Amino acid sequence: MRRTSFANWPCSIARTVDLLGDWWTPLVLREAFYGIRRFDEFQQELGIARNTLTDRLRRLAEDGLLEKQPYTHEPRRYEYLLTEKGRDFFGVLLAMSRWGDQWLSGDEGVPVTVHHDRCGQDSHAEVVCATCGDPMRAEDTSMRMGPGYPEKLRQHPAVHRRFACA
């Protein structure tokens, strides 16, 4: 079955889901943040099928989240290192973890705590306004068309229902 591509949709959420929207890809990235670099280590930690892992690592490398570097030449073996683009995904993983901690943890508590080494405290992710620092909540925000929104879609009636068009 062929899946629909969202790569060219005028929506950053859709484009991100197109790249990372299966259950294995965020877990591969999580393992990379835990320090896993080699194929066999990813496979062992995740219990993922080799062909699925090959596909996810290839895609993450092609899209610039991981960099593929050889660590042996005979036989040829590679390790996968987070790039700047890949490291920037850390906040997304923290936000997912925060939501899961709040809504999916059992009575035993959260499975993993996040320790902020700089201040020495256990913490969690918060989404705040980059300008004023206040929490970003759905009821306090509205979406507007950005400069990259396709001109041919700007006048469509559904667009005016979706966005706060002034």
N, C-alpha and C. Protein backbone atom coordinates (compact mmCIF):
# COMPACT_ATOMS: atom_id res chain seq x y z
N MET A 1 0.84 -1.17 0.00
CA MET A 1 0.00 0.00 0.00
C MET A 1 0.90 1.25 0.00
N ARG A 2 0.64 2.14 -0.87
CA ARG A 2 1.41 3.36 -1.00
C ARG A 2 0.86 4.43 -0.07
N ARG A 3 1.75 5.13 0.62
CA ARG A 3 1.29 6.16 1.56
C ARG A 3 1.28 7.52 0.89
N THR A 4 0.41 8.37 1.39
CA THR A 4 0.32 9.74 0.88
C THR A 4 1.51 10.53 1.39
N SER A 5 2.13 11.30 0.53
CA SER A 5 3.24 12.16 0.94
C SER A 5 2.70 13.53 1.35
N PHE A 6 3.20 14.02 2.47
CA PHE A 6 2.86 15.36 2.95
C PHE A 6 4.04 16.32 2.79
N ALA A 7 5.08 15.88 2.10
CA ALA A 7 6.33 16.63 2.00
C ALA A 7 6.15 18.03 1.41
N ASN A 8 5.17 18.22 0.56
CA ASN A 8 4.98 19.52 -0.08
C ASN A 8 3.75 20.27 0.42
N TRP A 9 3.11 19.78 1.47
CA TRP A 9 1.96 20.47 2.02
C TRP A 9 2.41 21.79 2.63
N PRO A 10 1.57 22.81 2.62
CA PRO A 10 1.93 24.09 3.22
C PRO A 10 1.69 24.09 4.74
N CYS A 11 2.36 23.15 5.42
CA CYS A 11 2.18 22.99 6.86
C CYS A 11 3.41 22.29 7.42
N SER A 12 4.08 22.93 8.37
CA SER A 12 5.29 22.34 8.94
C SER A 12 4.99 21.06 9.73
N ILE A 13 3.81 20.96 10.32
CA ILE A 13 3.45 19.72 11.03
C ILE A 13 3.33 18.58 10.02
N ALA A 14 2.64 18.81 8.92
CA ALA A 14 2.48 17.77 7.89
C ALA A 14 3.83 17.36 7.32
N ARG A 15 4.70 18.31 7.05
CA ARG A 15 6.02 18.00 6.50
C ARG A 15 6.85 17.20 7.50
N THR A 16 6.75 17.55 8.78
CA THR A 16 7.49 16.82 9.80
C THR A 16 6.96 15.40 9.94
N VAL A 17 5.64 15.25 9.93
CA VAL A 17 5.04 13.91 10.00
C VAL A 17 5.46 13.08 8.78
N ASP A 18 5.57 13.73 7.63
CA ASP A 18 6.00 13.00 6.44
C ASP A 18 7.39 12.39 6.65
N LEU A 19 8.26 13.12 7.29
CA LEU A 19 9.62 12.63 7.54
C LEU A 19 9.68 11.69 8.74
N LEU A 20 9.00 12.02 9.82
CA LEU A 20 9.19 11.32 11.10
C LEU A 20 7.95 10.62 11.61
N GLY A 21 6.93 10.47 10.78
CA GLY A 21 5.62 10.05 11.25
C GLY A 21 5.35 8.57 11.38
N ASP A 22 6.36 7.75 11.53
CA ASP A 22 6.09 6.36 11.87
C ASP A 22 6.60 6.13 13.29
N TRP A 23 6.29 5.02 13.90
CA TRP A 23 6.68 4.86 15.31
C TRP A 23 8.15 4.57 15.49
N TRP A 24 8.86 4.09 14.47
CA TRP A 24 10.28 3.75 14.65
C TRP A 24 11.20 4.96 14.57
N THR A 25 10.91 5.91 13.71
CA THR A 25 11.85 7.01 13.47
C THR A 25 12.13 7.83 14.74
N PRO A 26 11.13 8.29 15.49
CA PRO A 26 11.47 9.00 16.73
C PRO A 26 12.24 8.14 17.73
N LEU A 27 11.98 6.83 17.73
CA LEU A 27 12.71 5.94 18.64
C LEU A 27 14.16 5.77 18.21
N VAL A 28 14.42 5.73 16.91
CA VAL A 28 15.81 5.70 16.42
C VAL A 28 16.52 6.97 16.86
N LEU A 29 15.86 8.12 16.71
CA LEU A 29 16.47 9.38 17.15
C LEU A 29 16.67 9.40 18.66
N ARG A 30 15.72 8.88 19.41
CA ARG A 30 15.88 8.81 20.87
C ARG A 30 17.14 8.04 21.23
N GLU A 31 17.34 6.90 20.57
CA GLU A 31 18.53 6.09 20.84
C GLU A 31 19.80 6.84 20.47
N ALA A 32 19.75 7.63 19.39
CA ALA A 32 20.92 8.43 19.01
C ALA A 32 21.25 9.43 20.12
N PHE A 33 20.24 10.01 20.74
CA PHE A 33 20.48 10.92 21.87
C PHE A 33 21.00 10.17 23.09
N TYR A 34 20.69 8.90 23.22
CA TYR A 34 21.24 8.08 24.31
C TYR A 34 22.67 7.65 24.02
N GLY A 35 23.18 7.98 22.83
CA GLY A 35 24.57 7.67 22.51
C GLY A 35 24.77 6.47 21.59
N ILE A 36 23.69 5.89 21.12
CA ILE A 36 23.80 4.76 20.19
C ILE A 36 24.22 5.31 18.84
N ARG A 37 25.18 4.63 18.19
CA ARG A 37 25.71 5.11 16.91
C ARG A 37 25.75 4.04 15.82
N ARG A 38 25.83 2.80 16.21
CA ARG A 38 26.05 1.74 15.23
C ARG A 38 24.79 0.92 14.98
N PHE A 39 24.69 0.43 13.75
CA PHE A 39 23.52 -0.30 13.29
C PHE A 39 23.13 -1.41 14.27
N ASP A 40 24.10 -2.27 14.61
CA ASP A 40 23.79 -3.41 15.48
C ASP A 40 23.32 -2.96 16.86
N GLU A 41 23.84 -1.82 17.35
CA GLU A 41 23.39 -1.30 18.65
C GLU A 41 21.94 -0.81 18.56
N PHE A 42 21.61 -0.08 17.49
CA PHE A 42 20.22 0.35 17.29
C PHE A 42 19.30 -0.87 17.24
N GLN A 43 19.71 -1.86 16.46
CA GLN A 43 18.90 -3.05 16.27
C GLN A 43 18.70 -3.79 17.59
N GLN A 44 19.74 -3.93 18.36
CA GLN A 44 19.66 -4.62 19.64
C GLN A 44 18.79 -3.86 20.64
N GLU A 45 18.99 -2.56 20.74
CA GLU A 45 18.24 -1.76 21.72
C GLU A 45 16.75 -1.69 21.39
N LEU A 46 16.42 -1.59 20.11
CA LEU A 46 15.02 -1.39 19.71
C LEU A 46 14.30 -2.69 19.36
N GLY A 47 15.03 -3.74 19.01
CA GLY A 47 14.38 -4.97 18.55
C GLY A 47 13.67 -4.77 17.22
N ILE A 48 14.16 -3.84 16.43
CA ILE A 48 13.57 -3.47 15.15
C ILE A 48 14.10 -4.40 14.06
N ALA A 49 13.26 -4.70 13.08
CA ALA A 49 13.69 -5.53 11.95
C ALA A 49 14.82 -4.82 11.20
N ARG A 50 15.78 -5.58 10.73
CA ARG A 50 16.96 -5.00 10.08
C ARG A 50 16.58 -4.18 8.85
N ASN A 51 15.65 -4.67 8.06
CA ASN A 51 15.26 -3.92 6.85
C ASN A 51 14.56 -2.60 7.22
N THR A 52 13.77 -2.61 8.28
CA THR A 52 13.11 -1.39 8.73
C THR A 52 14.14 -0.40 9.25
N LEU A 53 15.09 -0.87 10.04
CA LEU A 53 16.15 0.00 10.56
C LEU A 53 16.99 0.57 9.43
N THR A 54 17.33 -0.26 8.46
CA THR A 54 18.10 0.22 7.30
C THR A 54 17.37 1.37 6.62
N ASP A 55 16.07 1.21 6.41
CA ASP A 55 15.27 2.25 5.77
C ASP A 55 15.24 3.53 6.61
N ARG A 56 15.03 3.41 7.92
CA ARG A 56 14.95 4.60 8.77
C ARG A 56 16.29 5.33 8.85
N LEU A 57 17.38 4.59 9.01
CA LEU A 57 18.70 5.24 9.06
C LEU A 57 19.04 5.91 7.73
N ARG A 58 18.72 5.24 6.63
CA ARG A 58 18.97 5.83 5.31
C ARG A 58 18.21 7.15 5.17
N ARG A 59 16.95 7.13 5.52
CA ARG A 59 16.12 8.33 5.37
C ARG A 59 16.60 9.46 6.28
N LEU A 60 16.93 9.14 7.53
CA LEU A 60 17.42 10.17 8.45
C LEU A 60 18.74 10.76 7.97
N ALA A 61 19.58 9.93 7.36
CA ALA A 61 20.84 10.44 6.81
C ALA A 61 20.59 11.28 5.56
N GLU A 62 19.72 10.82 4.67
CA GLU A 62 19.41 11.58 3.45
C GLU A 62 18.80 12.93 3.78
N ASP A 63 17.99 12.99 4.83
CA ASP A 63 17.33 14.23 5.20
C ASP A 63 18.14 15.08 6.18
N GLY A 64 19.35 14.63 6.47
CA GLY A 64 20.29 15.46 7.22
C GLY A 64 20.13 15.47 8.73
N LEU A 65 19.42 14.52 9.32
CA LEU A 65 19.33 14.45 10.78
C LEU A 65 20.46 13.61 11.37
N LEU A 66 20.93 12.66 10.59
CA LEU A 66 22.07 11.84 10.99
C LEU A 66 23.13 11.91 9.89
N GLU A 67 24.37 11.80 10.31
CA GLU A 67 25.48 11.74 9.35
C GLU A 67 26.07 10.34 9.42
N LYS A 68 26.21 9.72 8.27
CA LYS A 68 26.73 8.37 8.16
C LYS A 68 28.24 8.45 7.97
N GLN A 69 29.01 7.85 8.90
CA GLN A 69 30.47 7.88 8.82
C GLN A 69 31.02 6.47 8.97
N PRO A 70 31.98 6.09 8.12
CA PRO A 70 32.57 4.76 8.27
C PRO A 70 33.44 4.68 9.53
N TYR A 71 33.37 3.53 10.21
CA TYR A 71 34.26 3.33 11.35
C TYR A 71 35.18 2.13 11.13
N THR A 72 34.87 1.29 10.14
CA THR A 72 35.81 0.26 9.67
C THR A 72 35.69 0.19 8.15
N HIS A 73 36.77 -0.24 7.54
CA HIS A 73 36.78 -0.34 6.08
C HIS A 73 36.73 -1.78 5.59
N GLU A 74 37.17 -2.72 6.38
CA GLU A 74 37.14 -4.14 6.03
C GLU A 74 36.58 -4.93 7.19
N PRO A 75 35.33 -5.32 7.21
CA PRO A 75 34.27 -4.95 6.29
C PRO A 75 33.82 -3.50 6.52
N ARG A 76 33.19 -2.94 5.51
CA ARG A 76 32.73 -1.55 5.59
C ARG A 76 31.55 -1.47 6.56
N ARG A 77 31.73 -0.70 7.62
CA ARG A 77 30.69 -0.49 8.64
C ARG A 77 30.58 1.00 8.93
N TYR A 78 29.37 1.42 9.28
CA TYR A 78 29.12 2.85 9.50
C TYR A 78 28.56 3.09 10.90
N GLU A 79 28.79 4.30 11.37
CA GLU A 79 28.09 4.79 12.54
C GLU A 79 27.29 6.01 12.12
N TYR A 80 26.27 6.30 12.90
CA TYR A 80 25.33 7.37 12.57
C TYR A 80 25.38 8.41 13.69
N LEU A 81 25.78 9.63 13.33
CA LEU A 81 25.94 10.70 14.30
C LEU A 81 24.89 11.77 14.08
N LEU A 82 24.37 12.30 15.17
CA LEU A 82 23.40 13.39 15.06
C LEU A 82 24.06 14.63 14.47
N THR A 83 23.39 15.24 13.53
CA THR A 83 23.83 16.51 12.95
C THR A 83 23.19 17.64 13.75
N GLU A 84 23.47 18.87 13.39
CA GLU A 84 22.81 20.00 14.04
C GLU A 84 21.29 19.89 13.87
N LYS A 85 20.86 19.54 12.67
CA LYS A 85 19.42 19.37 12.41
C LYS A 85 18.84 18.27 13.28
N GLY A 86 19.57 17.17 13.44
CA GLY A 86 19.12 16.08 14.29
C GLY A 86 19.08 16.47 15.76
N ARG A 87 20.13 17.16 16.23
CA ARG A 87 20.16 17.60 17.62
C ARG A 87 19.02 18.57 17.92
N ASP A 88 18.61 19.33 16.94
CA ASP A 88 17.51 20.28 17.12
C ASP A 88 16.17 19.57 17.35
N PHE A 89 16.09 18.29 17.04
CA PHE A 89 14.88 17.50 17.27
C PHE A 89 14.69 17.15 18.75
N PHE A 90 15.71 17.39 19.57
CA PHE A 90 15.65 17.03 20.99
C PHE A 90 14.43 17.64 21.69
N GLY A 91 14.13 18.89 21.40
CA GLY A 91 12.97 19.54 22.02
C GLY A 91 11.67 18.85 21.68
N VAL A 92 11.56 18.31 20.48
CA VAL A 92 10.35 17.57 20.08
C VAL A 92 10.22 16.31 20.93
N LEU A 93 11.34 15.59 21.09
CA LEU A 93 11.31 14.38 21.92
C LEU A 93 10.96 14.72 23.37
N LEU A 94 11.50 15.82 23.88
CA LEU A 94 11.17 16.23 25.25
C LEU A 94 9.69 16.57 25.39
N ALA A 95 9.14 17.25 24.39
CA ALA A 95 7.71 17.59 24.44
C ALA A 95 6.86 16.32 24.39
N MET A 96 7.24 15.36 23.57
CA MET A 96 6.51 14.10 23.52
C MET A 96 6.60 13.37 24.86
N SER A 97 7.79 13.37 25.44
CA SER A 97 7.99 12.72 26.73
C SER A 97 7.14 13.39 27.82
N ARG A 98 7.12 14.71 27.82
CA ARG A 98 6.33 15.46 28.80
C ARG A 98 4.85 15.10 28.70
N TRP A 99 4.33 15.05 27.47
CA TRP A 99 2.93 14.71 27.27
C TRP A 99 2.67 13.27 27.76
N GLY A 100 3.55 12.35 27.37
CA GLY A 100 3.40 10.96 27.81
C GLY A 100 3.49 10.81 29.31
N ASP A 101 4.39 11.56 29.96
CA ASP A 101 4.49 11.53 31.42
C ASP A 101 3.18 11.98 32.06
N GLN A 102 2.58 13.01 31.51
CA GLN A 102 1.36 13.56 32.09
C GLN A 102 0.15 12.66 31.86
N TRP A 103 0.04 12.08 30.68
CA TRP A 103 -1.19 11.39 30.31
C TRP A 103 -1.09 9.87 30.22
N LEU A 104 0.10 9.31 30.19
CA LEU A 104 0.23 7.87 29.98
C LEU A 104 0.98 7.13 31.09
N SER A 105 1.53 7.86 32.06
CA SER A 105 2.26 7.20 33.15
C SER A 105 1.27 6.57 34.13
N GLY A 106 1.67 5.43 34.65
CA GLY A 106 0.83 4.75 35.64
C GLY A 106 1.12 5.23 37.04
N ASP A 107 0.57 4.52 38.00
CA ASP A 107 0.75 4.87 39.41
C ASP A 107 2.22 4.81 39.85
N GLU A 108 3.00 4.03 39.14
CA GLU A 108 4.41 3.87 39.51
C GLU A 108 5.25 5.10 39.16
N GLY A 109 4.69 6.01 38.38
CA GLY A 109 5.39 7.24 38.04
C GLY A 109 5.98 7.23 36.64
N VAL A 110 6.69 8.30 36.33
CA VAL A 110 7.25 8.44 34.98
C VAL A 110 8.39 7.45 34.79
N PRO A 111 8.55 6.92 33.57
CA PRO A 111 9.60 5.92 33.34
C PRO A 111 11.01 6.51 33.24
N VAL A 112 11.13 7.74 32.79
CA VAL A 112 12.44 8.38 32.62
C VAL A 112 12.32 9.83 33.08
N THR A 113 13.25 10.28 33.88
CA THR A 113 13.26 11.69 34.27
C THR A 113 14.34 12.40 33.45
N VAL A 114 14.11 13.67 33.24
CA VAL A 114 15.06 14.51 32.50
C VAL A 114 15.79 15.37 33.53
N HIS A 115 17.10 15.22 33.58
CA HIS A 115 17.91 15.98 34.52
C HIS A 115 18.62 17.09 33.76
N HIS A 116 18.43 18.33 34.19
CA HIS A 116 19.07 19.48 33.54
C HIS A 116 20.42 19.68 34.22
N ASP A 117 21.48 19.28 33.54
CA ASP A 117 22.81 19.32 34.13
C ASP A 117 23.25 20.73 34.51
N ARG A 118 22.83 21.72 33.75
CA ARG A 118 23.28 23.10 34.02
C ARG A 118 22.78 23.62 35.37
N CYS A 119 21.54 23.29 35.74
CA CYS A 119 21.03 23.79 37.03
C CYS A 119 21.02 22.71 38.10
N GLY A 120 21.25 21.46 37.70
CA GLY A 120 21.32 20.37 38.67
C GLY A 120 19.97 19.83 39.12
N GLN A 121 18.90 20.15 38.40
CA GLN A 121 17.55 19.74 38.82
C GLN A 121 16.92 18.82 37.78
N ASP A 122 16.04 17.92 38.27
CA ASP A 122 15.18 17.17 37.36
C ASP A 122 14.12 18.15 36.86
N SER A 123 13.77 18.05 35.59
CA SER A 123 12.84 19.01 35.01
C SER A 123 12.00 18.34 33.94
N HIS A 124 11.32 19.14 33.16
CA HIS A 124 10.51 18.66 32.03
C HIS A 124 10.42 19.78 31.00
N ALA A 125 9.96 19.45 29.84
CA ALA A 125 9.84 20.43 28.76
C ALA A 125 8.62 21.32 28.99
N GLU A 126 8.74 22.55 28.59
CA GLU A 126 7.64 23.51 28.58
C GLU A 126 7.70 24.23 27.24
N VAL A 127 6.57 24.48 26.64
CA VAL A 127 6.52 25.26 25.41
C VAL A 127 6.15 26.68 25.81
N VAL A 128 7.07 27.59 25.56
CA VAL A 128 6.85 28.99 25.93
C VAL A 128 7.05 29.88 24.71
N CYS A 129 6.46 31.05 24.77
CA CYS A 129 6.62 32.04 23.71
C CYS A 129 8.07 32.51 23.68
N ALA A 130 8.68 32.47 22.52
CA ALA A 130 10.07 32.90 22.38
C ALA A 130 10.22 34.40 22.59
N THR A 131 9.15 35.16 22.52
CA THR A 131 9.22 36.61 22.70
C THR A 131 9.01 37.03 24.15
N CYS A 132 7.91 36.56 24.77
CA CYS A 132 7.59 37.04 26.12
C CYS A 132 7.85 36.02 27.22
N GLY A 133 8.04 34.73 26.86
CA GLY A 133 8.31 33.70 27.85
C GLY A 133 7.09 33.08 28.49
N ASP A 134 5.89 33.56 28.15
CA ASP A 134 4.66 32.96 28.69
C ASP A 134 4.40 31.60 28.05
N PRO A 135 3.70 30.71 28.78
CA PRO A 135 3.35 29.40 28.19
C PRO A 135 2.52 29.58 26.91
N MET A 136 2.77 28.71 25.94
CA MET A 136 1.99 28.70 24.70
C MET A 136 0.88 27.67 24.88
N ARG A 137 -0.37 28.15 24.98
CA ARG A 137 -1.53 27.28 25.13
C ARG A 137 -2.44 27.51 23.94
N ALA A 138 -3.17 26.48 23.55
CA ALA A 138 -4.03 26.57 22.37
C ALA A 138 -5.02 27.72 22.48
N GLU A 139 -5.58 27.91 23.66
CA GLU A 139 -6.59 28.95 23.82
C GLU A 139 -6.02 30.37 23.77
N ASP A 140 -4.71 30.49 23.82
CA ASP A 140 -4.06 31.81 23.78
C ASP A 140 -3.33 32.08 22.47
N THR A 141 -3.53 31.24 21.47
CA THR A 141 -2.80 31.40 20.21
C THR A 141 -3.75 31.35 19.03
N SER A 142 -3.29 31.86 17.92
CA SER A 142 -4.00 31.72 16.65
C SER A 142 -2.95 31.49 15.57
N MET A 143 -3.36 30.82 14.54
CA MET A 143 -2.46 30.53 13.43
C MET A 143 -2.71 31.54 12.32
N ARG A 144 -1.63 31.94 11.68
CA ARG A 144 -1.72 32.88 10.56
C ARG A 144 -0.86 32.37 9.42
N MET A 145 -1.23 32.76 8.22
CA MET A 145 -0.43 32.36 7.07
C MET A 145 0.94 33.00 7.17
N GLY A 146 1.96 32.20 6.90
CA GLY A 146 3.32 32.71 6.87
C GLY A 146 3.72 33.07 5.46
N PRO A 147 4.91 33.62 5.30
CA PRO A 147 5.36 34.03 3.97
C PRO A 147 5.51 32.88 2.99
N GLY A 148 5.67 31.67 3.50
CA GLY A 148 5.82 30.51 2.62
C GLY A 148 4.52 29.84 2.23
N TYR A 149 3.38 30.38 2.68
CA TYR A 149 2.10 29.77 2.32
C TYR A 149 1.85 30.03 0.84
N PRO A 150 1.50 28.99 0.08
CA PRO A 150 1.36 29.14 -1.38
C PRO A 150 0.32 30.20 -1.78
N GLU A 151 0.71 31.06 -2.66
CA GLU A 151 -0.16 32.15 -3.13
C GLU A 151 -1.47 31.61 -3.70
N LYS A 152 -1.40 30.51 -4.45
CA LYS A 152 -2.59 29.96 -5.10
C LYS A 152 -3.63 29.44 -4.09
N LEU A 153 -3.22 29.18 -2.84
CA LEU A 153 -4.15 28.69 -1.82
C LEU A 153 -4.68 29.79 -0.91
N ARG A 154 -4.08 30.96 -0.96
CA ARG A 154 -4.43 32.04 -0.02
C ARG A 154 -5.89 32.47 -0.09
N GLN A 155 -6.52 32.40 -1.24
CA GLN A 155 -7.90 32.88 -1.38
C GLN A 155 -8.94 31.79 -1.21
N HIS A 156 -8.53 30.56 -0.98
CA HIS A 156 -9.47 29.45 -0.80
C HIS A 156 -10.28 29.67 0.48
N PRO A 157 -11.63 29.47 0.43
CA PRO A 157 -12.48 29.71 1.61
C PRO A 157 -12.05 28.92 2.85
N ALA A 158 -11.59 27.69 2.68
CA ALA A 158 -11.17 26.88 3.83
C ALA A 158 -9.98 27.51 4.54
N VAL A 159 -9.13 28.21 3.78
CA VAL A 159 -7.97 28.86 4.38
C VAL A 159 -8.42 29.96 5.34
N HIS A 160 -9.43 30.68 4.95
CA HIS A 160 -9.92 31.78 5.79
C HIS A 160 -10.63 31.25 7.04
N ARG A 161 -11.18 30.05 6.99
CA ARG A 161 -11.77 29.44 8.18
C ARG A 161 -10.66 28.94 9.11
N ARG A 162 -9.57 28.46 8.57
CA ARG A 162 -8.49 27.86 9.34
C ARG A 162 -7.61 28.91 10.02
N PHE A 163 -7.31 29.96 9.32
CA PHE A 163 -6.39 30.97 9.82
C PHE A 163 -7.12 32.22 10.27
N ALA A 164 -6.51 32.92 11.19
CA ALA A 164 -7.02 34.23 11.59
C ALA A 164 -6.57 35.20 10.51
N CYS A 165 -7.41 35.38 9.50
CA CYS A 165 -7.06 36.25 8.37
C CYS A 165 -7.56 37.65 8.65
N ALA A 166 -6.61 38.55 8.68
CA ALA A 166 -6.96 39.95 8.94
C ALA A 166 -6.96 40.74 7.66
